[in-house]
Amino acid sequence: MAQAKSNLTKNLKEIEEIVSWFESQEEVDVEKGIEKVKIGAKLIKESKKRLQEIENEFEEVKKELAE
């Protein structure tokens, strides 16, 4: 079963929203904060994987153009 590719733009937007949430807090609720950090870490991991996939796709296109 093929796993859907993560949407890099969507992930980056969600990460930006998490950063904004932290910046807007006068006092961060530790429980909510740790949840946000866990979600952010997952999004970053997915984004890094997707960026690698995109780089690989780009390299394949470059090879095709060079032939």
N, C-alpha and C. Protein backbone atom coordinates (compact mmCIF):
# COMPACT_ATOMS: atom_id res chain seq x y z
N MET A 1 0.85 -1.18 0.00
CA MET A 1 0.00 0.00 0.00
C MET A 1 0.89 1.24 0.00
N ALA A 2 0.71 2.09 -0.98
CA ALA A 2 1.54 3.29 -1.12
C ALA A 2 1.10 4.35 -0.12
N GLN A 3 2.07 4.94 0.53
CA GLN A 3 1.79 6.02 1.47
C GLN A 3 1.75 7.33 0.70
N ALA A 4 0.76 8.16 0.98
CA ALA A 4 0.64 9.45 0.30
C ALA A 4 1.86 10.31 0.63
N LYS A 5 2.35 11.00 -0.38
CA LYS A 5 3.48 11.90 -0.16
C LYS A 5 3.03 13.07 0.70
N SER A 6 3.88 13.47 1.61
CA SER A 6 3.52 14.62 2.43
C SER A 6 3.54 15.87 1.58
N ASN A 7 2.66 16.78 1.89
CA ASN A 7 2.57 18.04 1.17
C ASN A 7 3.51 19.02 1.85
N LEU A 8 4.61 19.31 1.21
CA LEU A 8 5.64 20.15 1.79
C LEU A 8 5.11 21.54 2.16
N THR A 9 4.34 22.14 1.28
CA THR A 9 3.80 23.47 1.54
C THR A 9 2.89 23.45 2.77
N LYS A 10 2.04 22.44 2.87
CA LYS A 10 1.13 22.31 4.01
C LYS A 10 1.92 22.13 5.31
N ASN A 11 2.94 21.27 5.26
CA ASN A 11 3.76 21.04 6.45
C ASN A 11 4.45 22.32 6.92
N LEU A 12 5.01 23.07 5.97
CA LEU A 12 5.72 24.30 6.33
C LEU A 12 4.76 25.32 6.93
N LYS A 13 3.53 25.37 6.41
CA LYS A 13 2.53 26.27 6.95
C LYS A 13 2.17 25.88 8.40
N GLU A 14 2.01 24.58 8.63
CA GLU A 14 1.70 24.10 9.98
C GLU A 14 2.84 24.40 10.95
N ILE A 15 4.08 24.23 10.50
CA ILE A 15 5.24 24.54 11.35
C ILE A 15 5.24 26.03 11.68
N GLU A 16 4.94 26.86 10.69
CA GLU A 16 4.87 28.31 10.90
C GLU A 16 3.79 28.65 11.94
N GLU A 17 2.65 27.95 11.87
CA GLU A 17 1.57 28.18 12.84
C GLU A 17 2.01 27.80 14.26
N ILE A 18 2.77 26.72 14.38
CA ILE A 18 3.27 26.30 15.70
C ILE A 18 4.22 27.35 16.25
N VAL A 19 5.13 27.84 15.41
CA VAL A 19 6.07 28.88 15.84
C VAL A 19 5.31 30.13 16.28
N SER A 20 4.31 30.51 15.50
CA SER A 20 3.50 31.68 15.86
C SER A 20 2.78 31.48 17.19
N TRP A 21 2.30 30.26 17.42
CA TRP A 21 1.62 29.96 18.69
C TRP A 21 2.57 30.21 19.86
N PHE A 22 3.80 29.67 19.75
CA PHE A 22 4.77 29.87 20.83
C PHE A 22 5.09 31.35 21.02
N GLU A 23 5.23 32.08 19.91
CA GLU A 23 5.57 33.50 20.00
C GLU A 23 4.44 34.32 20.61
N SER A 24 3.20 33.85 20.48
CA SER A 24 2.06 34.61 20.98
C SER A 24 1.74 34.34 22.45
N GLN A 25 2.40 33.36 23.05
CA GLN A 25 2.10 32.98 24.43
C GLN A 25 2.90 33.84 25.41
N GLU A 26 2.20 34.41 26.38
CA GLU A 26 2.91 35.10 27.45
C GLU A 26 3.53 34.08 28.39
N GLU A 27 2.74 33.07 28.73
CA GLU A 27 3.24 31.95 29.53
C GLU A 27 2.82 30.68 28.81
N VAL A 28 3.79 29.89 28.40
CA VAL A 28 3.49 28.67 27.64
C VAL A 28 3.02 27.58 28.60
N ASP A 29 1.86 27.02 28.29
CA ASP A 29 1.36 25.84 29.01
C ASP A 29 2.27 24.68 28.61
N VAL A 30 2.94 24.08 29.59
CA VAL A 30 3.92 23.04 29.31
C VAL A 30 3.29 21.86 28.58
N GLU A 31 2.11 21.44 28.99
CA GLU A 31 1.45 20.30 28.35
C GLU A 31 1.12 20.60 26.89
N LYS A 32 0.55 21.76 26.62
CA LYS A 32 0.23 22.14 25.25
C LYS A 32 1.52 22.34 24.46
N GLY A 33 2.52 22.92 25.10
CA GLY A 33 3.79 23.18 24.44
C GLY A 33 4.46 21.91 23.97
N ILE A 34 4.49 20.88 24.83
CA ILE A 34 5.15 19.63 24.45
C ILE A 34 4.40 18.95 23.30
N GLU A 35 3.07 19.06 23.29
CA GLU A 35 2.28 18.51 22.18
C GLU A 35 2.65 19.22 20.89
N LYS A 36 2.77 20.54 20.94
CA LYS A 36 3.13 21.33 19.75
C LYS A 36 4.53 20.94 19.26
N VAL A 37 5.45 20.72 20.19
CA VAL A 37 6.81 20.34 19.83
C VAL A 37 6.81 18.97 19.15
N LYS A 38 6.03 18.03 19.68
CA LYS A 38 5.95 16.69 19.07
C LYS A 38 5.40 16.77 17.65
N ILE A 39 4.34 17.55 17.47
CA ILE A 39 3.75 17.72 16.14
C ILE A 39 4.76 18.37 15.20
N GLY A 40 5.44 19.42 15.70
CA GLY A 40 6.45 20.10 14.89
C GLY A 40 7.57 19.18 14.47
N ALA A 41 8.04 18.34 15.39
CA ALA A 41 9.12 17.41 15.08
C ALA A 41 8.69 16.42 13.99
N LYS A 42 7.45 15.94 14.07
CA LYS A 42 6.93 15.03 13.06
C LYS A 42 6.85 15.72 11.71
N LEU A 43 6.36 16.96 11.69
CA LEU A 43 6.25 17.71 10.44
C LEU A 43 7.63 17.97 9.83
N ILE A 44 8.60 18.30 10.67
CA ILE A 44 9.97 18.54 10.18
C ILE A 44 10.55 17.27 9.57
N LYS A 45 10.34 16.14 10.25
CA LYS A 45 10.85 14.86 9.74
C LYS A 45 10.23 14.54 8.39
N GLU A 46 8.89 14.71 8.27
CA GLU A 46 8.20 14.47 7.00
C GLU A 46 8.71 15.42 5.91
N SER A 47 8.94 16.67 6.28
CA SER A 47 9.40 17.67 5.32
C SER A 47 10.79 17.34 4.81
N LYS A 48 11.68 16.92 5.69
CA LYS A 48 13.04 16.55 5.27
C LYS A 48 13.00 15.37 4.30
N LYS A 49 12.13 14.40 4.60
CA LYS A 49 11.99 13.24 3.72
C LYS A 49 11.47 13.67 2.36
N ARG A 50 10.47 14.54 2.35
CA ARG A 50 9.89 15.01 1.09
C ARG A 50 10.91 15.82 0.28
N LEU A 51 11.70 16.65 0.97
CA LEU A 51 12.74 17.42 0.28
C LEU A 51 13.74 16.49 -0.39
N GLN A 52 14.09 15.40 0.26
CA GLN A 52 15.01 14.43 -0.33
C GLN A 52 14.39 13.79 -1.56
N GLU A 53 13.08 13.47 -1.49
CA GLU A 53 12.39 12.90 -2.65
C GLU A 53 12.40 13.89 -3.82
N ILE A 54 12.14 15.15 -3.51
CA ILE A 54 12.13 16.19 -4.55
C ILE A 54 13.52 16.32 -5.18
N GLU A 55 14.54 16.28 -4.35
CA GLU A 55 15.92 16.37 -4.86
C GLU A 55 16.22 15.20 -5.80
N ASN A 56 15.78 14.01 -5.40
CA ASN A 56 16.00 12.83 -6.25
C ASN A 56 15.27 12.96 -7.58
N GLU A 57 14.03 13.45 -7.54
CA GLU A 57 13.26 13.66 -8.77
C GLU A 57 13.97 14.68 -9.67
N PHE A 58 14.48 15.74 -9.07
CA PHE A 58 15.19 16.77 -9.83
C PHE A 58 16.43 16.18 -10.50
N GLU A 59 17.17 15.36 -9.77
CA GLU A 59 18.38 14.74 -10.34
C GLU A 59 18.03 13.84 -11.52
N GLU A 60 16.91 13.13 -11.44
CA GLU A 60 16.50 12.27 -12.54
C GLU A 60 16.15 13.10 -13.78
N VAL A 61 15.47 14.23 -13.57
CA VAL A 61 15.13 15.12 -14.69
C VAL A 61 16.41 15.67 -15.33
N LYS A 62 17.38 16.05 -14.48
CA LYS A 62 18.65 16.55 -15.01
C LYS A 62 19.34 15.51 -15.87
N LYS A 63 19.33 14.25 -15.43
CA LYS A 63 19.96 13.17 -16.20
C LYS A 63 19.27 13.00 -17.54
N GLU A 64 17.93 13.04 -17.52
CA GLU A 64 17.17 12.90 -18.77
C GLU A 64 17.50 14.02 -19.75
N LEU A 65 17.62 15.24 -19.25
CA LEU A 65 17.94 16.37 -20.10
C LEU A 65 19.35 16.28 -20.67
N ALA A 66 20.24 15.67 -19.93
CA ALA A 66 21.64 15.57 -20.37
C ALA A 66 21.82 14.53 -21.47
N GLU A 67 20.87 13.63 -21.61
CA GLU A 67 21.01 12.56 -22.62
C GLU A 67 20.74 13.06 -24.01
